[in-house]
Amino acid sequence: MRKSIRLLMLCALTALVGLAAAPQAPAPRNRVIGVVTATDQDSATLTVKSDAGETYKVSVVATAKLLRVAPGETMADAQPIQFTDISVGDRVLAQGPLKDPEKTIEALRVIDMSQADLAKKHQQEQADWQHRGVAGTATAKDEPTSTLTLRLPSMTGAGDLVKVAVSNKTVFKRYIQDSVKYADAKPSTLAEIGIGDQVRVLGNKDDAGTVQAEQIVSGAFVTLAATVVSVDAAAGFVQAKNMQNGKPLRIKITPDSNLRRMSQMAGGMPGATPGGGQAAWAGGGAQRPAGAGQGGAQASAQAGPAGAPGGQRRGGDFSRIMDFMPKIAVDALKPGETIVVGSSKGSAPDEVTALTLLAGADFLVNMAQMRAVQGQRAGAASGPSMNMNFDVMSMVPPQ
């Protein structure tokens, strides 16, 4: 018995010695990607908000490799930097062992994109979308021939049609429900685009007038006209009456909701700048007023379809006109006033999340109703009272 116990103890001791002598597995390496929200030079620590919305502490060890790369470049172009070169607003990828409960990464490598470089890239992409982009409503789709037909927005009647050709190089993105943030958009395909969807296309026109799509961003949205009943600014809700069916409508307002108030100009057309400046650009072909708002790029570049900046008149892209209207807070909404709300399709019929909300929209609603009456008199099938191509994707990607 004693020999058996001694043998077991000897085996256990041997195993422990072997375990101690064996090479230890390296600590698991993880990474976090996000935006720098704070820096601490003394402790060489970054606070990073990840793309998933979580906050991490990134402790940069003395031997860490710090690199900066410009958007669109490869790691072969990366340049060494110091910790002091990293600023709030930069986008970083930090790699190293993760202490999970504390959400702290001991970074062995940090790759940085500066806020200035990101802003420059953003402006370039915005300008490109304005210059070569076209936006409209999908009216037809032919998957066998990889083509899509869009109707361009118009405030004066049925907009022009444009044909879009896609290829295996076309990049598809689709907005998720209750968001028009390009950062939230997910990879998509032509098959996901439905008739009636809002679509933005980036590409050049060929000699036949077809847009050869490089990028396509789509989303399913609905536009409703309503009358404000009450406002709960603290809770972020607006109680309203749906003007189409007369039923109660509960509108949720989020920090991402784009709330604007419609301006009026001589003749009743919307889109005037403060002070009554002429808004001839609302027709689609004229220059944007000097000094007006920051819509991302000049309205003249949006005036024509892809490849024709400042050319063909489109009858007014309402999403561009909205860029010049003043932003408002939810508590600026008053009971009894007319609003137009853009939201995702698929939401509950009596409750929507406002992606875009336009207050003081009597003129727009009246015009839509007159068009509906004219269509009925002409024998056309009656449709929704707000068939206005009210483009809630007013922010050109990426954002």
Protein backbone atom coordinates (compact mmCIF):
# COMPACT_ATOMS: atom_id res chain seq x y z
CA MET A 1 0.00 0.00 0.00
CA ARG A 2 2.80 2.38 0.95
CA LYS A 3 4.60 1.55 -2.31
CA SER A 4 1.44 2.41 -4.29
CA ILE A 5 1.10 5.76 -2.51
CA ARG A 6 4.77 6.55 -3.11
CA LEU A 7 4.38 5.63 -6.78
CA LEU A 8 1.36 7.91 -7.17
CA MET A 9 3.17 10.78 -5.46
CA LEU A 10 6.21 10.26 -7.68
CA CYS A 11 4.05 10.30 -10.81
CA ALA A 12 2.27 13.48 -9.69
CA LEU A 13 5.58 15.19 -8.89
CA THR A 14 6.95 14.19 -12.29
CA ALA A 15 3.88 15.61 -14.00
CA LEU A 16 4.18 18.90 -12.14
CA VAL A 17 7.85 19.21 -12.99
CA GLY A 18 7.07 18.49 -16.63
CA LEU A 19 4.28 21.05 -16.67
CA ALA A 20 6.57 23.68 -15.20
CA ALA A 21 9.27 22.88 -17.70
CA ALA A 22 6.93 22.89 -20.72
CA PRO A 23 6.71 26.13 -22.71
CA GLN A 24 3.66 28.20 -21.71
CA ALA A 25 1.02 29.02 -24.33
CA PRO A 26 1.14 32.70 -25.31
CA ALA A 27 -1.53 34.96 -23.90
CA PRO A 28 -4.47 35.25 -26.30
CA ARG A 29 -4.20 38.20 -28.67
CA ASN A 30 -7.25 40.26 -29.51
CA ARG A 31 -8.00 43.44 -31.31
CA VAL A 32 -10.34 46.39 -31.13
CA ILE A 33 -11.29 48.72 -33.97
CA GLY A 34 -12.87 52.05 -33.28
CA VAL A 35 -12.52 55.78 -32.71
CA VAL A 36 -10.26 57.37 -30.11
CA THR A 37 -12.36 59.30 -27.59
CA ALA A 38 -9.57 60.19 -25.11
CA THR A 39 -5.79 59.99 -24.75
CA ASP A 40 -3.57 59.94 -21.65
CA GLN A 41 0.01 60.86 -22.54
CA ASP A 42 1.36 60.10 -19.05
CA SER A 43 0.14 56.49 -18.99
CA ALA A 44 0.25 55.98 -22.78
CA THR A 45 -3.39 54.92 -22.72
CA LEU A 46 -6.15 55.42 -25.28
CA THR A 47 -9.88 55.25 -24.73
CA VAL A 48 -11.48 53.72 -27.80
CA LYS A 49 -15.16 53.36 -28.67
CA SER A 50 -15.43 50.26 -30.82
CA ASP A 51 -17.58 49.94 -33.91
CA ALA A 52 -19.90 47.79 -31.77
CA GLY A 53 -20.38 50.72 -29.39
CA GLU A 54 -18.28 49.31 -26.52
CA THR A 55 -15.59 51.32 -24.74
CA TYR A 56 -12.09 49.88 -24.30
CA LYS A 57 -8.90 51.04 -22.65
CA VAL A 58 -5.86 50.53 -24.85
CA SER A 59 -2.63 50.50 -22.88
CA VAL A 60 0.22 50.98 -25.35
CA VAL A 61 3.31 49.11 -24.12
CA ALA A 62 6.75 50.66 -24.57
CA THR A 63 7.72 48.15 -27.25
CA ALA A 64 4.49 48.53 -29.23
CA LYS A 65 4.69 49.16 -32.95
CA LEU A 66 2.75 52.29 -33.92
CA LEU A 67 1.91 52.87 -37.58
CA ARG A 68 -0.19 55.36 -39.53
CA VAL A 69 -1.88 54.52 -42.82
CA ALA A 70 -4.05 56.80 -44.93
CA PRO A 71 -7.56 55.66 -45.95
CA GLY A 72 -7.40 53.62 -49.12
CA GLU A 73 -3.70 52.79 -48.74
CA THR A 74 -2.19 49.42 -47.85
CA MET A 75 0.05 48.46 -44.95
CA ALA A 76 2.99 48.65 -47.35
CA ASP A 77 2.44 52.44 -47.27
CA ALA A 78 2.22 52.67 -43.46
CA GLN A 79 4.56 55.07 -41.68
CA PRO A 80 5.92 54.81 -38.09
CA ILE A 81 4.49 57.30 -35.60
CA GLN A 82 4.81 58.16 -31.91
CA PHE A 83 2.08 57.84 -29.28
CA THR A 84 1.85 61.64 -29.16
CA ASP A 85 0.80 61.62 -32.84
CA ILE A 86 -2.48 59.85 -31.99
CA SER A 87 -5.36 62.26 -31.37
CA VAL A 88 -8.99 62.18 -30.35
CA GLY A 89 -11.11 61.45 -33.42
CA ASP A 90 -8.51 59.19 -35.02
CA ARG A 91 -9.56 55.70 -36.04
CA VAL A 92 -7.35 52.93 -34.68
CA LEU A 93 -6.87 49.20 -34.75
CA ALA A 94 -5.19 47.98 -31.54
CA GLN A 95 -3.90 44.42 -31.13
CA GLY A 96 -2.70 42.66 -28.02
CA PRO A 97 -3.74 40.56 -25.00
CA LEU A 98 -7.21 41.43 -23.75
CA LYS A 99 -8.19 41.58 -20.08
CA ASP A 100 -11.86 40.95 -20.69
CA PRO A 101 -13.62 42.03 -17.47
CA GLU A 102 -11.72 45.31 -17.50
CA LYS A 103 -12.00 45.66 -21.28
CA THR A 104 -8.33 46.63 -21.41
CA ILE A 105 -5.97 45.72 -24.25
CA GLU A 106 -2.22 45.73 -23.74
CA ALA A 107 -1.48 46.88 -27.25
CA LEU A 108 1.54 45.41 -29.00
CA ARG A 109 0.57 47.11 -32.27
CA VAL A 110 -1.59 50.13 -33.08
CA ILE A 111 -2.55 51.15 -36.60
CA ASP A 112 -3.86 54.71 -36.82
CA MET A 113 -5.87 56.67 -39.38
CA SER A 114 -5.80 60.36 -38.54
CA GLN A 115 -8.99 62.36 -38.26
CA ALA A 116 -7.66 64.83 -40.83
CA ASP A 117 -6.98 62.07 -43.38
CA LEU A 118 -10.43 60.57 -42.73
CA ALA A 119 -12.11 63.95 -43.21
CA LYS A 120 -10.22 64.52 -46.47
CA LYS A 121 -11.21 61.09 -47.74
CA HIS A 122 -14.80 61.70 -46.69
CA GLN A 123 -14.94 64.98 -48.61
CA GLN A 124 -13.48 63.33 -51.70
CA GLU A 125 -16.02 60.53 -51.56
CA GLN A 126 -18.88 62.94 -50.93
CA ALA A 127 -17.83 64.98 -53.95
CA ASP A 128 -17.58 61.83 -56.06
CA TRP A 129 -21.08 60.71 -55.08
CA GLN A 130 -22.42 64.17 -55.85
CA HIS A 131 -20.63 64.32 -59.19
CA ARG A 132 -21.20 60.77 -60.45
CA GLY A 133 -24.11 59.63 -58.28
CA VAL A 134 -27.76 59.22 -59.14
CA ALA A 135 -30.62 58.53 -56.72
CA GLY A 136 -34.13 57.31 -57.36
CA THR A 137 -36.83 54.72 -56.77
CA ALA A 138 -36.49 51.23 -58.20
CA THR A 139 -39.25 50.64 -60.75
CA ALA A 140 -37.95 47.51 -62.50
CA LYS A 141 -35.27 44.87 -62.07
CA ASP A 142 -33.98 42.20 -64.44
CA GLU A 143 -31.59 39.86 -62.64
CA PRO A 144 -30.75 37.71 -65.72
CA THR A 145 -29.40 40.79 -67.51
CA SER A 146 -28.15 42.43 -64.27
CA THR A 147 -30.02 45.66 -64.86
CA LEU A 148 -32.08 47.97 -62.70
CA THR A 149 -34.39 50.84 -63.65
CA LEU A 150 -34.75 53.90 -61.40
CA ARG A 151 -37.24 56.75 -61.50
CA LEU A 152 -35.52 60.00 -60.55
CA PRO A 153 -37.07 62.19 -57.84
CA SER A 154 -39.35 64.99 -58.97
CA MET A 155 -41.62 67.47 -57.21
CA THR A 156 -43.56 68.31 -60.34
CA GLY A 157 -44.63 64.93 -61.68
CA ALA A 158 -43.24 61.58 -62.73
CA GLY A 159 -39.46 61.78 -62.84
CA ASP A 160 -37.23 60.56 -65.65
CA LEU A 161 -36.19 56.91 -65.85
CA VAL A 162 -32.56 55.85 -65.84
CA LYS A 163 -31.15 52.39 -66.53
CA VAL A 164 -28.43 50.95 -64.31
CA ALA A 165 -26.14 48.06 -65.28
CA VAL A 166 -24.38 46.03 -62.60
CA SER A 167 -21.41 43.66 -62.85
CA ASN A 168 -19.52 41.26 -60.63
CA LYS A 169 -17.40 44.23 -59.55
CA THR A 170 -20.35 46.28 -58.31
CA VAL A 171 -20.31 46.75 -54.53
CA PHE A 172 -23.78 46.50 -52.96
CA LYS A 173 -24.74 47.93 -49.57
CA ARG A 174 -28.16 48.03 -47.93
CA TYR A 175 -29.38 50.23 -45.12
CA ILE A 176 -30.63 48.36 -42.08
CA GLN A 177 -34.04 49.07 -40.62
CA ASP A 178 -34.37 52.40 -38.80
CA SER A 179 -31.00 53.69 -39.99
CA VAL A 180 -29.67 55.71 -42.91
CA LYS A 181 -26.13 55.64 -41.58
CA TYR A 182 -23.78 54.34 -44.22
CA ALA A 183 -21.63 52.88 -41.45
CA ASP A 184 -24.58 50.66 -40.46
CA ALA A 185 -25.25 49.45 -44.00
CA LYS A 186 -24.62 45.76 -44.61
CA PRO A 187 -23.26 43.97 -47.71
CA SER A 188 -26.07 43.21 -50.12
CA THR A 189 -26.92 41.93 -53.60
CA LEU A 190 -29.08 42.91 -56.54
CA ALA A 191 -31.59 40.27 -55.42
CA GLU A 192 -32.30 42.22 -52.21
CA ILE A 193 -33.43 45.35 -54.03
CA GLY A 194 -37.21 45.48 -54.28
CA ILE A 195 -39.51 47.52 -56.47
CA GLY A 196 -40.20 50.78 -54.65
CA ASP A 197 -36.88 50.79 -52.78
CA GLN A 198 -34.79 53.93 -52.61
CA VAL A 199 -31.50 53.41 -54.46
CA ARG A 200 -28.29 55.41 -54.84
CA VAL A 201 -25.83 54.48 -57.57
CA LEU A 202 -22.24 55.60 -58.13
CA GLY A 203 -20.94 55.18 -61.66
CA ASN A 204 -20.40 56.70 -65.08
CA LYS A 205 -22.88 56.86 -67.93
CA ASP A 206 -22.03 55.07 -71.15
CA ASP A 207 -22.89 56.37 -74.62
CA ALA A 208 -26.35 54.78 -74.41
CA GLY A 209 -27.14 56.67 -71.20
CA THR A 210 -26.88 53.61 -68.93
CA VAL A 211 -25.13 54.06 -65.60
CA GLN A 212 -22.37 51.47 -65.17
CA ALA A 213 -22.67 50.88 -61.43
CA GLU A 214 -19.56 50.79 -59.28
CA GLN A 215 -21.45 51.04 -55.98
CA ILE A 216 -25.14 50.67 -55.13
CA VAL A 217 -26.74 51.57 -51.81
CA SER A 218 -30.40 50.66 -51.27
CA GLY A 219 -33.06 50.76 -48.59
CA ALA A 220 -36.79 50.19 -48.09
CA PHE A 221 -38.51 53.32 -46.81
CA VAL A 222 -41.99 54.77 -46.52
CA THR A 223 -43.20 58.38 -46.30
CA LEU A 224 -46.19 59.45 -44.20
CA ALA A 225 -48.02 62.74 -43.81
CA ALA A 226 -49.43 63.44 -40.35
CA THR A 227 -50.77 66.13 -38.02
CA VAL A 228 -49.06 66.62 -34.66
CA VAL A 229 -51.32 65.89 -31.67
CA SER A 230 -48.83 66.12 -28.79
CA VAL A 231 -45.08 66.07 -28.16
CA ASP A 232 -43.17 64.32 -25.35
CA ALA A 233 -39.69 65.75 -25.87
CA ALA A 234 -38.23 64.06 -22.78
CA ALA A 235 -39.29 60.61 -23.91
CA GLY A 236 -38.61 61.36 -27.57
CA PHE A 237 -42.08 60.61 -28.91
CA VAL A 238 -44.58 62.51 -31.04
CA GLN A 239 -48.24 61.55 -31.05
CA ALA A 240 -49.79 62.33 -34.43
CA LYS A 241 -52.73 61.57 -36.71
CA ASN A 242 -51.96 59.78 -39.96
CA MET A 243 -53.49 61.95 -42.70
CA GLN A 244 -53.85 59.02 -45.07
CA ASN A 245 -56.05 56.80 -42.90
CA GLY A 246 -57.01 59.09 -40.00
CA LYS A 247 -55.54 56.70 -37.43
CA PRO A 248 -53.23 57.55 -34.49
CA LEU A 249 -49.51 57.43 -35.30
CA ARG A 250 -46.75 57.27 -32.68
CA ILE A 251 -43.43 58.63 -33.94
CA LYS A 252 -40.19 57.77 -32.16
CA ILE A 253 -37.44 60.40 -32.33
CA THR A 254 -33.84 59.23 -31.89
CA PRO A 255 -30.52 61.13 -31.79
CA ASP A 256 -30.07 60.10 -35.43
CA SER A 257 -33.43 61.48 -36.59
CA ASN A 258 -33.04 64.33 -39.08
CA LEU A 259 -35.59 66.98 -38.08
CA ARG A 260 -36.02 70.01 -40.34
CA ARG A 261 -38.52 72.83 -40.76
CA MET A 262 -39.77 73.73 -44.20
CA SER A 263 -39.04 77.28 -45.30
CA GLN A 264 -41.31 79.17 -47.64
CA MET A 265 -40.31 81.53 -50.43
CA ALA A 266 -42.19 83.78 -52.79
CA GLY A 267 -44.58 81.70 -54.84
CA GLY A 268 -44.86 79.03 -52.16
CA MET A 269 -41.97 76.84 -53.26
CA PRO A 270 -39.93 75.29 -50.45
CA GLY A 271 -36.24 75.55 -49.96
CA ALA A 272 -35.57 79.24 -49.54
CA THR A 273 -32.55 80.24 -47.59
CA PRO A 274 -33.06 82.47 -44.53
CA GLY A 275 -33.70 86.01 -45.68
CA GLY A 276 -35.75 84.96 -48.70
CA GLY A 277 -32.86 84.33 -51.07
CA GLN A 278 -33.84 82.92 -54.43
CA ALA A 279 -33.70 79.13 -54.64
CA ALA A 280 -33.71 78.60 -58.39
CA TRP A 281 -31.36 75.68 -57.79
CA ALA A 282 -34.39 73.78 -56.44
CA GLY A 283 -35.33 73.14 -60.05
CA GLY A 284 -32.29 70.93 -60.41
CA GLY A 285 -30.08 72.76 -62.87
CA ALA A 286 -28.88 75.98 -61.29
CA GLN A 287 -26.02 76.79 -58.98
CA ARG A 288 -26.37 76.38 -55.25
CA PRO A 289 -26.57 79.71 -53.38
CA ALA A 290 -23.18 80.89 -52.20
CA GLY A 291 -22.60 80.23 -48.53
CA ALA A 292 -25.72 78.12 -48.07
CA GLY A 293 -25.52 75.15 -45.70
CA GLN A 294 -23.16 72.21 -45.87
CA GLY A 295 -24.93 69.53 -47.88
CA GLY A 296 -21.64 67.80 -48.62
CA ALA A 297 -20.98 69.20 -52.11
CA GLN A 298 -22.35 71.77 -54.51
CA ALA A 299 -25.92 71.35 -55.62
CA SER A 300 -24.80 72.00 -59.17
CA ALA A 301 -22.96 68.70 -59.07
CA GLN A 302 -26.20 66.96 -58.12
CA ALA A 303 -28.22 68.70 -60.78
CA GLY A 304 -27.80 66.03 -63.43
CA PRO A 305 -27.53 62.25 -63.36
CA ALA A 306 -24.19 60.50 -63.15
CA GLY A 307 -21.65 61.95 -65.49
CA ALA A 308 -23.64 65.12 -66.18
CA PRO A 309 -23.02 67.61 -63.38
CA GLY A 310 -24.98 70.81 -63.75
CA GLY A 311 -26.70 69.51 -66.84
CA GLN A 312 -30.07 67.84 -67.26
CA ARG A 313 -32.83 69.29 -65.10
CA ARG A 314 -34.43 66.76 -62.81
CA GLY A 315 -37.41 68.66 -61.46
CA GLY A 316 -35.94 69.06 -58.00
CA ASP A 317 -34.27 66.44 -55.82
CA PHE A 318 -36.08 67.07 -52.55
CA SER A 319 -33.34 65.43 -50.47
CA ARG A 320 -30.96 68.16 -51.67
CA ILE A 321 -33.43 70.93 -50.92
CA MET A 322 -33.78 69.62 -47.38
CA ASP A 323 -30.07 70.22 -46.77
CA PHE A 324 -30.79 73.96 -46.75
CA MET A 325 -33.71 73.84 -44.35
CA PRO A 326 -33.03 74.68 -40.69
CA LYS A 327 -32.61 71.83 -38.23
CA ILE A 328 -34.98 71.78 -35.28
CA ALA A 329 -35.37 69.96 -31.96
CA VAL A 330 -38.37 67.79 -31.22
CA ASP A 331 -39.76 70.33 -28.75
CA ALA A 332 -40.08 72.81 -31.64
CA LEU A 333 -42.98 70.74 -33.04
CA LYS A 334 -46.38 72.24 -32.25
CA PRO A 335 -49.80 70.51 -31.97
CA GLY A 336 -51.85 70.96 -35.11
CA GLU A 337 -48.98 71.47 -37.55
CA THR A 338 -48.44 69.26 -40.59
CA ILE A 339 -45.39 67.02 -40.74
CA VAL A 340 -43.96 64.54 -43.21
CA VAL A 341 -42.10 61.55 -41.76
CA GLY A 342 -39.71 59.21 -43.54
CA SER A 343 -39.21 55.81 -41.88
CA SER A 344 -38.25 52.24 -42.65
CA LYS A 345 -40.78 49.93 -44.22
CA GLY A 346 -41.73 47.00 -42.06
CA SER A 347 -42.26 49.02 -38.91
CA ALA A 348 -45.57 48.70 -37.06
CA PRO A 349 -48.29 50.62 -38.95
CA ASP A 350 -49.18 52.70 -35.88
CA GLU A 351 -45.61 53.37 -34.69
CA VAL A 352 -42.57 54.42 -36.72
CA THR A 353 -39.04 55.60 -36.03
CA ALA A 354 -38.38 58.92 -37.74
CA LEU A 355 -35.36 58.84 -40.00
CA THR A 356 -36.37 62.19 -41.48
CA LEU A 357 -39.10 64.52 -40.19
CA LEU A 358 -40.13 67.69 -41.98
CA ALA A 359 -42.25 70.19 -40.06
CA GLY A 360 -44.41 72.93 -41.60
CA ALA A 361 -45.04 70.70 -44.61
CA ASP A 362 -48.51 72.00 -45.57
CA PHE A 363 -47.33 73.09 -49.04
CA LEU A 364 -45.79 69.69 -49.77
CA VAL A 365 -48.88 67.78 -48.63
CA ASN A 366 -51.25 70.06 -50.51
CA MET A 367 -49.24 69.62 -53.69
CA ALA A 368 -49.27 65.84 -53.28
CA GLN A 369 -53.02 65.85 -52.76
CA MET A 370 -53.57 68.01 -55.84
CA ARG A 371 -51.46 65.64 -57.90
CA ALA A 372 -53.50 62.71 -56.62
CA VAL A 373 -56.76 64.45 -57.61
CA GLN A 374 -55.35 65.29 -61.05
CA GLY A 375 -54.30 61.68 -61.49
CA GLN A 376 -57.78 60.44 -60.60
CA ARG A 377 -59.39 62.87 -63.03
CA ALA A 378 -57.05 61.58 -65.72
CA GLY A 379 -58.18 58.03 -64.95
CA ALA A 380 -55.02 56.95 -63.14
CA ALA A 381 -55.29 54.55 -60.25
CA SER A 382 -55.28 56.40 -56.96
CA GLY A 383 -52.18 55.85 -54.89
CA PRO A 384 -50.84 56.92 -51.51
CA SER A 385 -51.43 60.56 -50.72
CA MET A 386 -47.70 61.13 -50.23
CA ASN A 387 -46.22 59.61 -53.37
CA MET A 388 -43.55 62.31 -53.44
CA ASN A 389 -40.25 60.45 -53.79
CA PHE A 390 -39.41 62.07 -50.46
CA ASP A 391 -35.88 60.69 -50.29
CA VAL A 392 -35.03 59.91 -46.65
CA MET A 393 -31.54 58.91 -47.71
CA SER A 394 -30.61 62.58 -47.87
CA MET A 395 -27.11 61.98 -46.56
CA VAL A 396 -24.86 60.84 -49.34
CA PRO A 397 -22.69 57.88 -48.27
CA PRO A 398 -20.30 57.39 -46.68
CA GLN A 399 -21.07 59.21 -43.44
